[in-house]
Amino acid sequence: MYHTWNRETFEYNTSFTPKPGRIPANATDKVLPNYNSVTQNLVWDQENETWLVKSKKEFTEHLISIGFKNKSVTEKVNENGEIITMSRLELIESGIISIDSVRNSKLSEISNKAKLKIEGGFESNAKGQWYIYDSTLEDQFNIKTLADSGVDSPLRCIKKSTMVKDFYPHSTTQLNQIVNEFAGYKTGILQQSHNHKVNVLALTNPIEIENYEVTY
């Protein structure tokens, strides 16, 4: 039985037994004599045209270098010669993930968290008690439209003391107060978002950027 390294599938082909002295037509690399995979790890030395016995760790590193497994640069060999997946911090420290990529990812995180905070609802006591209002873009538009209409209107929200969501009556004055309070709430979050981005852009260490905490 012989083993042949297949460059297309990144595996050894052992499904044929070639005749002595002949290289099979479907072989895509040097023919490798049968060996005990537990004690021997053979690598073809092109320059000297001979097989070299490698340790398990060296052999595993060789397989990764020529594309074995999934050809992923996110893999490394541990002290036992096992292929393991590198952590994100290891990828950043090694430069596989660039500082620009880390920074862009953090800037996106800042924007996404700000959006979730803005559209995740807000509280107002415009009615003399605390109510929780939905604040998606559609909700923001609807509240502003009701306030601009100049007509008292029911508005669906949650009464915080009971946590019951229902349509509660709101006067025009109350609606306008809610609109103004939300505008200030939104502006505050956008200002925090801006400050976070300024801080991240000022950092030059990719690990510091990765570990930068974004809170609102």
Protein backbone atom coordinates (compact mmCIF):
# COMPACT_ATOMS: atom_id res chain seq x y z
CA MET A 1 0.00 0.00 0.00
CA TYR A 2 1.25 3.48 -0.89
CA HIS A 3 0.18 6.97 0.15
CA THR A 4 0.06 9.88 -2.30
CA TRP A 5 -0.40 13.50 -1.26
CA ASN A 6 -3.31 15.07 -3.16
CA ARG A 7 -2.88 18.83 -3.55
CA GLU A 8 -6.52 19.34 -4.55
CA THR A 9 -8.19 17.67 -1.58
CA PHE A 10 -5.36 18.21 0.92
CA GLU A 11 -5.34 14.57 2.00
CA TYR A 12 -3.44 11.35 1.35
CA ASN A 13 -4.77 8.94 -1.25
CA THR A 14 -4.42 5.34 -0.10
CA SER A 15 -7.00 3.72 -2.35
CA PHE A 16 -4.54 2.10 -4.77
CA THR A 17 -1.53 -0.21 -4.74
CA PRO A 18 0.89 0.78 -7.54
CA LYS A 19 3.24 -1.64 -9.19
CA PRO A 20 6.86 -1.50 -7.96
CA GLY A 21 8.84 1.31 -9.57
CA ARG A 22 5.80 3.03 -11.10
CA ILE A 23 4.07 6.24 -10.09
CA PRO A 24 0.28 5.91 -10.56
CA ALA A 25 -1.33 8.15 -13.18
CA ASN A 26 -3.55 9.80 -10.55
CA ALA A 27 -0.65 10.66 -8.25
CA THR A 28 -0.29 14.42 -7.73
CA ASP A 29 2.94 14.38 -5.73
CA LYS A 30 5.78 12.07 -4.75
CA VAL A 31 4.69 8.56 -3.83
CA LEU A 32 5.01 7.94 -0.12
CA PRO A 33 5.87 4.38 1.04
CA ASN A 34 3.66 2.86 3.67
CA TYR A 35 4.70 3.83 7.20
CA ASN A 36 3.61 3.59 10.80
CA SER A 37 1.82 6.91 11.35
CA VAL A 38 2.26 6.57 15.10
CA THR A 39 6.06 6.49 15.03
CA GLN A 40 6.94 8.08 11.67
CA ASN A 41 5.90 11.31 9.99
CA LEU A 42 7.58 11.55 6.60
CA VAL A 43 8.05 14.73 4.59
CA TRP A 44 9.52 14.74 1.08
CA ASP A 45 12.78 16.70 0.79
CA GLN A 46 12.69 18.00 -2.79
CA GLU A 47 16.31 19.21 -2.79
CA ASN A 48 17.81 15.90 -1.63
CA GLU A 49 15.01 13.75 -3.05
CA THR A 50 14.55 11.76 0.10
CA TRP A 51 11.99 11.25 2.83
CA LEU A 52 12.66 12.99 6.15
CA VAL A 53 11.30 11.71 9.45
CA LYS A 54 9.68 14.51 11.43
CA SER A 55 8.31 14.78 14.93
CA LYS A 56 4.53 14.95 15.29
CA LYS A 57 4.73 18.70 15.94
CA GLU A 58 7.01 19.33 12.94
CA PHE A 59 4.85 17.16 10.73
CA THR A 60 1.66 18.92 11.78
CA GLU A 61 3.28 22.30 11.13
CA HIS A 62 4.32 21.03 7.71
CA LEU A 63 0.76 19.96 6.90
CA ILE A 64 -0.57 23.39 7.87
CA SER A 65 2.14 25.13 5.82
CA ILE A 66 1.10 23.28 2.64
CA GLY A 67 -2.60 23.70 3.22
CA PHE A 68 -3.68 20.64 5.16
CA LYS A 69 -6.97 20.76 7.08
CA ASN A 70 -8.94 23.82 5.93
CA LYS A 71 -5.95 25.95 4.94
CA SER A 72 -7.03 28.40 7.64
CA VAL A 73 -4.48 30.88 8.99
CA THR A 74 -6.47 30.81 12.22
CA GLU A 75 -4.90 27.48 13.18
CA LYS A 76 -1.66 26.78 14.99
CA VAL A 77 0.13 23.81 16.51
CA ASN A 78 0.31 23.42 20.28
CA GLU A 79 3.12 21.77 22.25
CA ASN A 80 1.53 18.35 21.71
CA GLY A 81 1.54 18.74 17.94
CA GLU A 82 -2.23 19.20 17.83
CA ILE A 83 -3.93 21.66 15.50
CA ILE A 84 -5.93 24.19 17.52
CA THR A 85 -7.85 27.33 16.61
CA MET A 86 -6.22 30.62 17.56
CA SER A 87 -8.16 33.04 19.73
CA ARG A 88 -9.10 36.46 18.38
CA LEU A 89 -6.53 38.14 20.64
CA GLU A 90 -3.82 35.78 19.35
CA LEU A 91 -4.81 36.62 15.77
CA ILE A 92 -4.58 40.32 16.59
CA GLU A 93 -1.24 39.98 18.39
CA SER A 94 0.21 38.02 15.47
CA GLY A 95 -0.93 40.65 12.97
CA ILE A 96 -3.21 38.25 11.09
CA ILE A 97 -6.06 40.59 12.01
CA SER A 98 -4.79 44.08 11.16
CA ILE A 99 -5.13 47.12 13.40
CA ASP A 100 -7.37 48.74 10.78
CA SER A 101 -9.70 45.75 10.92
CA VAL A 102 -9.75 45.84 14.72
CA ARG A 103 -10.46 49.57 14.72
CA ASN A 104 -13.23 49.33 12.12
CA SER A 105 -14.83 46.51 14.10
CA LYS A 106 -14.77 48.60 17.28
CA LEU A 107 -16.19 51.65 15.49
CA SER A 108 -19.02 49.48 14.17
CA GLU A 109 -19.63 48.18 17.68
CA ILE A 110 -19.89 51.76 18.96
CA SER A 111 -22.44 52.68 16.28
CA ASN A 112 -24.47 49.50 16.71
CA LYS A 113 -24.67 49.85 20.49
CA ALA A 114 -25.72 53.49 20.14
CA LYS A 115 -28.47 52.50 17.72
CA LEU A 116 -29.72 49.76 20.05
CA LYS A 117 -29.71 52.18 22.98
CA ILE A 118 -31.61 54.86 21.07
CA GLU A 119 -34.17 52.46 19.65
CA GLY A 120 -34.47 50.30 22.76
CA GLY A 121 -37.08 52.46 24.48
CA PHE A 122 -36.87 55.38 26.92
CA GLU A 123 -38.67 56.64 30.01
CA SER A 124 -40.57 59.86 30.62
CA ASN A 125 -42.69 61.22 33.47
CA ALA A 126 -44.48 63.75 31.28
CA LYS A 127 -47.79 62.37 32.59
CA GLY A 128 -46.75 62.77 36.22
CA GLN A 129 -45.78 59.09 36.45
CA TRP A 130 -43.07 57.13 34.73
CA TYR A 131 -43.96 55.53 31.41
CA ILE A 132 -41.76 53.57 29.05
CA TYR A 133 -42.04 54.48 25.37
CA ASP A 134 -40.98 52.51 22.31
CA SER A 135 -38.36 54.40 20.32
CA THR A 136 -37.72 52.69 16.99
CA LEU A 137 -37.50 55.04 14.02
CA GLU A 138 -41.17 54.37 13.30
CA ASP A 139 -42.13 55.09 16.92
CA GLN A 140 -40.12 58.32 16.90
CA PHE A 141 -41.95 59.42 13.76
CA ASN A 142 -45.38 58.51 15.17
CA ILE A 143 -44.87 60.40 18.44
CA LYS A 144 -43.59 63.47 16.59
CA THR A 145 -46.58 63.32 14.23
CA LEU A 146 -49.03 63.14 17.15
CA ALA A 147 -47.31 66.05 18.90
CA ASP A 148 -47.35 68.17 15.73
CA SER A 149 -51.06 67.46 15.16
CA GLY A 150 -52.01 69.61 18.15
CA VAL A 151 -54.66 67.08 19.17
CA ASP A 152 -54.79 65.08 22.40
CA SER A 153 -54.21 61.44 21.49
CA PRO A 154 -53.85 58.02 23.11
CA LEU A 155 -50.34 56.59 22.87
CA ARG A 156 -49.33 52.99 23.40
CA CYS A 157 -46.69 52.68 26.12
CA ILE A 158 -45.90 50.84 29.36
CA LYS A 159 -46.98 52.19 32.74
CA LYS A 160 -43.86 51.50 34.79
CA SER A 161 -45.68 50.99 38.11
CA THR A 162 -47.73 48.11 36.71
CA MET A 163 -45.64 47.17 33.63
CA VAL A 164 -48.89 47.04 31.66
CA LYS A 165 -48.63 48.09 28.03
CA ASP A 166 -51.72 49.81 26.70
CA PHE A 167 -53.00 52.92 24.94
CA TYR A 168 -52.92 55.71 27.52
CA PRO A 169 -54.37 59.20 26.92
CA HIS A 170 -51.82 61.97 26.32
CA SER A 171 -52.39 65.69 26.00
CA THR A 172 -50.63 67.72 23.33
CA THR A 173 -48.45 69.27 26.03
CA GLN A 174 -47.45 65.83 27.28
CA LEU A 175 -46.70 64.62 23.76
CA ASN A 176 -44.49 67.63 23.08
CA GLN A 177 -42.65 67.10 26.35
CA ILE A 178 -42.01 63.47 25.42
CA VAL A 179 -40.67 64.53 22.01
CA ASN A 180 -38.34 67.09 23.59
CA GLU A 181 -37.14 64.69 26.28
CA PHE A 182 -36.41 62.02 23.70
CA ALA A 183 -34.51 64.52 21.55
CA GLY A 184 -32.24 65.25 24.53
CA TYR A 185 -31.92 61.55 25.31
CA LYS A 186 -30.94 60.76 21.72
CA THR A 187 -28.48 63.64 21.53
CA GLY A 188 -26.79 62.47 24.72
CA ILE A 189 -26.25 58.99 23.30
CA LEU A 190 -24.94 60.34 20.00
CA GLN A 191 -22.49 62.54 21.93
CA GLN A 192 -21.26 59.52 23.89
CA SER A 193 -20.92 57.61 20.62
CA HIS A 194 -18.83 60.43 19.17
CA ASN A 195 -16.58 60.50 22.24
CA HIS A 196 -16.06 56.73 22.07
CA LYS A 197 -15.04 56.99 18.42
CA VAL A 198 -12.60 59.80 19.14
CA ASN A 199 -11.02 57.68 21.88
CA VAL A 200 -10.71 54.62 19.62
CA LEU A 201 -9.22 56.63 16.76
CA ALA A 202 -6.58 57.96 19.16
CA LEU A 203 -5.43 54.48 20.20
CA THR A 204 -2.47 52.94 18.37
CA ASN A 205 -2.28 49.55 20.10
CA PRO A 206 -4.61 46.99 18.48
CA ILE A 207 -5.05 45.07 21.76
CA GLU A 208 -6.09 48.27 23.56
CA ILE A 209 -8.59 48.94 20.78
CA GLU A 210 -9.96 45.41 21.02
CA ASN A 211 -10.34 45.68 24.81
CA TYR A 212 -11.88 49.17 24.72
CA GLU A 213 -15.21 48.99 26.58
CA VAL A 214 -18.22 50.64 24.97
CA THR A 215 -20.92 51.64 27.45
CA TYR A 216 -23.82 54.07 27.32
